Amino acid sequence: MAELVASEKSGKRSSLPKLPPRIDLTAMVDLAFLLITFFILTTSLAKPRAMPIAMPVGTEGGVGESTTMTVCLGSDNQALCYRGMTDKPLTTPQIVGYGKDGLRRAIVEAGRQILKTTGKQMMVIVRPSAHSKYANLVAAIDELNITAVKYYAIADISQKDIEMLKLKSAY
């Protein structure tokens, strides 16, 4: 049984000894545990949020080479970026890092050039290699969302992309 005993000392001497008041705290302890149990059972935890990715069924599409940018994810937190498709890139492939001065800048510049020359939105193809990390794919998709790229796809890397990554020592 939980109880609170209050001691009272005073400078006067009294002829009758007073008993200290006793307060029974059992009901308050029970109520505290009931409230704790209630809040634990009714609290909703933060639900994980996922980014929606619509995966295409086939690889055929009506995306032109002039509106496409390819990003190949390599090792050591490096990515290979070029405009166009793998067979015949429209620009020289370049190695960039992730973040504001790397991949984000390359995406913004390519998007501006494509919009200026064709008047259409850019399509980005992200191709992770076997040596890239999952965090690199997440970082690349985050950069696409930050730069407001509407159209992007995740595709398998081709042998020619792997050869380009090896030439740039990013594989």
Protein backbone atom coordinates (compact mmCIF):
# COMPACT_ATOMS: atom_id res chain seq x y z
CA MET A 1 0.00 0.00 0.00
CA ALA A 2 1.42 3.39 -0.96
CA GLU A 3 0.99 6.19 1.49
CA LEU A 4 2.29 9.64 2.15
CA VAL A 5 3.33 10.51 5.69
CA ALA A 6 3.67 14.19 6.43
CA SER A 7 5.84 15.13 9.38
CA GLU A 8 5.16 18.36 11.11
CA LYS A 9 7.61 19.95 13.53
CA SER A 10 6.94 23.15 15.27
CA GLY A 11 8.67 25.15 17.92
CA LYS A 12 5.77 24.96 20.40
CA ARG A 13 5.30 22.14 22.70
CA SER A 14 1.82 20.82 22.94
CA SER A 15 0.40 18.66 25.61
CA LEU A 16 -1.37 16.32 23.19
CA PRO A 17 0.72 14.48 20.67
CA LYS A 18 -0.73 14.84 17.17
CA LEU A 19 -0.64 11.97 14.81
CA PRO A 20 0.60 12.89 11.34
CA PRO A 21 -2.03 12.66 8.60
CA ARG A 22 -1.88 9.56 6.43
CA ILE A 23 -2.86 9.78 2.79
CA ASP A 24 -3.52 6.58 0.89
CA LEU A 25 -1.98 6.86 -2.63
CA THR A 26 -3.06 3.45 -3.95
CA ALA A 27 -5.86 4.87 -6.06
CA MET A 28 -3.56 7.49 -7.63
CA VAL A 29 -0.94 4.85 -8.53
CA ASP A 30 -3.65 2.69 -10.12
CA LEU A 31 -4.94 5.65 -12.09
CA ALA A 32 -1.41 6.52 -13.30
CA PHE A 33 -0.84 3.00 -14.60
CA LEU A 34 -4.24 2.99 -16.28
CA LEU A 35 -3.44 6.28 -18.04
CA ILE A 36 0.00 5.06 -19.13
CA THR A 37 -1.55 1.86 -20.50
CA PHE A 38 -4.26 3.83 -22.30
CA PHE A 39 -1.78 6.19 -23.98
CA ILE A 40 0.55 3.37 -25.00
CA LEU A 41 -2.27 1.39 -26.60
CA THR A 42 -3.93 4.32 -28.38
CA THR A 43 -0.83 6.08 -29.70
CA SER A 44 -0.20 5.68 -33.41
CA LEU A 45 3.43 5.49 -34.38
CA ALA A 46 4.90 7.32 -37.36
CA LYS A 47 4.08 5.36 -40.46
CA PRO A 48 6.83 4.90 -43.05
CA ARG A 49 6.37 6.91 -46.22
CA ALA A 50 7.38 5.45 -49.53
CA MET A 51 8.06 7.19 -52.78
CA PRO A 52 5.77 5.91 -55.56
CA ILE A 53 7.60 4.43 -58.54
CA ALA A 54 5.66 3.27 -61.57
CA MET A 55 7.67 0.59 -63.34
CA PRO A 56 6.95 0.18 -67.06
CA VAL A 57 5.95 -3.22 -68.40
CA GLY A 58 7.98 -3.11 -71.61
CA THR A 59 11.13 -1.35 -72.71
CA GLU A 60 9.68 0.05 -75.92
CA GLY A 61 8.57 3.62 -75.72
CA GLY A 62 8.13 6.83 -77.57
CA VAL A 63 10.91 8.72 -75.83
CA GLY A 64 13.27 10.42 -78.23
CA GLU A 65 17.03 10.52 -77.79
CA SER A 66 17.03 14.31 -77.84
CA THR A 67 14.88 14.47 -74.68
CA THR A 68 16.67 11.71 -72.74
CA MET A 69 19.41 11.85 -70.10
CA THR A 70 21.05 8.65 -68.89
CA VAL A 71 22.58 8.35 -65.42
CA CYS A 72 24.67 5.24 -64.74
CA LEU A 73 25.43 4.65 -61.08
CA GLY A 74 28.96 3.41 -60.47
CA SER A 75 31.15 2.63 -57.52
CA ASP A 76 32.71 5.04 -55.00
CA ASN A 77 29.63 7.30 -54.98
CA GLN A 78 30.12 8.32 -58.61
CA ALA A 79 27.66 8.53 -61.47
CA LEU A 80 28.17 8.70 -65.23
CA CYS A 81 25.85 11.20 -66.96
CA TYR A 82 25.23 11.86 -70.62
CA ARG A 83 22.40 13.01 -72.85
CA GLY A 84 20.92 10.53 -75.26
CA MET A 85 20.85 6.76 -75.28
CA THR A 86 23.59 4.23 -74.65
CA ASP A 87 24.25 3.37 -78.30
CA LYS A 88 25.02 6.94 -79.37
CA PRO A 89 25.32 9.55 -76.62
CA LEU A 90 24.61 13.13 -77.71
CA THR A 91 27.08 14.57 -75.19
CA THR A 92 30.39 13.38 -73.81
CA PRO A 93 29.83 11.14 -70.78
CA GLN A 94 31.06 12.76 -67.58
CA ILE A 95 31.63 11.47 -64.06
CA VAL A 96 29.85 13.40 -61.30
CA GLY A 97 29.34 12.93 -57.59
CA TYR A 98 26.07 13.18 -55.74
CA GLY A 99 24.67 16.33 -54.22
CA LYS A 100 24.27 19.95 -55.13
CA ASP A 101 27.43 20.41 -57.21
CA GLY A 102 27.38 17.01 -58.87
CA LEU A 103 24.37 15.14 -60.10
CA ARG A 104 21.88 17.91 -59.31
CA ARG A 105 23.78 20.44 -61.41
CA ALA A 106 24.09 17.98 -64.31
CA ILE A 107 20.34 17.25 -64.21
CA VAL A 108 19.40 20.94 -64.09
CA GLU A 109 21.75 21.88 -66.96
CA ALA A 110 20.58 18.99 -69.15
CA GLY A 111 16.94 19.81 -68.41
CA ARG A 112 17.46 23.44 -69.42
CA GLN A 113 19.21 22.46 -72.66
CA ILE A 114 16.52 19.93 -73.58
CA LEU A 115 13.70 22.36 -72.82
CA LYS A 116 15.46 25.09 -74.81
CA THR A 117 16.16 22.95 -77.88
CA THR A 118 13.08 20.73 -78.04
CA GLY A 119 10.51 22.48 -75.89
CA LYS A 120 9.73 19.18 -74.12
CA GLN A 121 10.33 17.84 -70.64
CA MET A 122 13.37 15.68 -69.98
CA MET A 123 13.21 11.90 -69.42
CA VAL A 124 15.93 10.50 -67.15
CA ILE A 125 16.96 6.85 -67.25
CA VAL A 126 18.73 5.69 -64.08
CA ARG A 127 20.88 2.59 -64.56
CA PRO A 128 22.42 1.18 -61.34
CA SER A 129 25.47 -1.03 -61.79
CA ALA A 130 26.41 -4.09 -59.75
CA HIS A 131 29.02 -2.04 -57.88
CA SER A 132 26.69 0.80 -56.87
CA LYS A 133 25.02 0.90 -53.48
CA TYR A 134 21.32 1.09 -52.73
CA ALA A 135 21.95 4.47 -51.08
CA ASN A 136 23.25 5.76 -54.44
CA LEU A 137 19.96 4.82 -56.14
CA VAL A 138 17.99 6.55 -53.38
CA ALA A 139 20.23 9.64 -53.67
CA ALA A 140 19.73 9.74 -57.45
CA ILE A 141 15.95 9.53 -57.11
CA ASP A 142 16.07 12.22 -54.41
CA GLU A 143 17.98 14.49 -56.79
CA LEU A 144 15.34 13.85 -59.47
CA ASN A 145 12.61 14.84 -57.03
CA ILE A 146 14.50 17.94 -55.87
CA THR A 147 15.02 19.10 -59.45
CA ALA A 148 11.34 18.40 -60.26
CA VAL A 149 11.99 15.90 -63.05
CA LYS A 150 8.58 14.51 -63.97
CA TYR A 151 9.63 11.54 -66.05
CA TYR A 152 12.24 9.00 -65.02
CA ALA A 153 12.76 5.26 -65.17
CA ILE A 154 15.01 2.74 -63.49
CA ALA A 155 16.47 0.31 -66.01
CA ASP A 156 19.08 -2.43 -66.15
CA ILE A 157 22.57 -1.34 -67.06
CA SER A 158 23.88 -2.40 -70.46
CA GLN A 159 27.30 -3.79 -71.29
CA LYS A 160 28.21 -0.58 -73.16
CA ASP A 161 27.41 1.48 -70.04
CA ILE A 162 29.64 -0.80 -67.98
CA GLU A 163 32.45 -0.30 -70.49
CA MET A 164 32.04 3.49 -70.27
CA LEU A 165 32.14 3.29 -66.46
CA LYS A 166 35.33 1.20 -66.65
CA LEU A 167 36.93 3.74 -69.01
CA LYS A 168 36.17 6.51 -66.53
CA SER A 169 37.37 4.26 -63.64
CA ALA A 170 34.01 4.43 -61.87
CA TYR A 171 33.13 0.73 -62.01
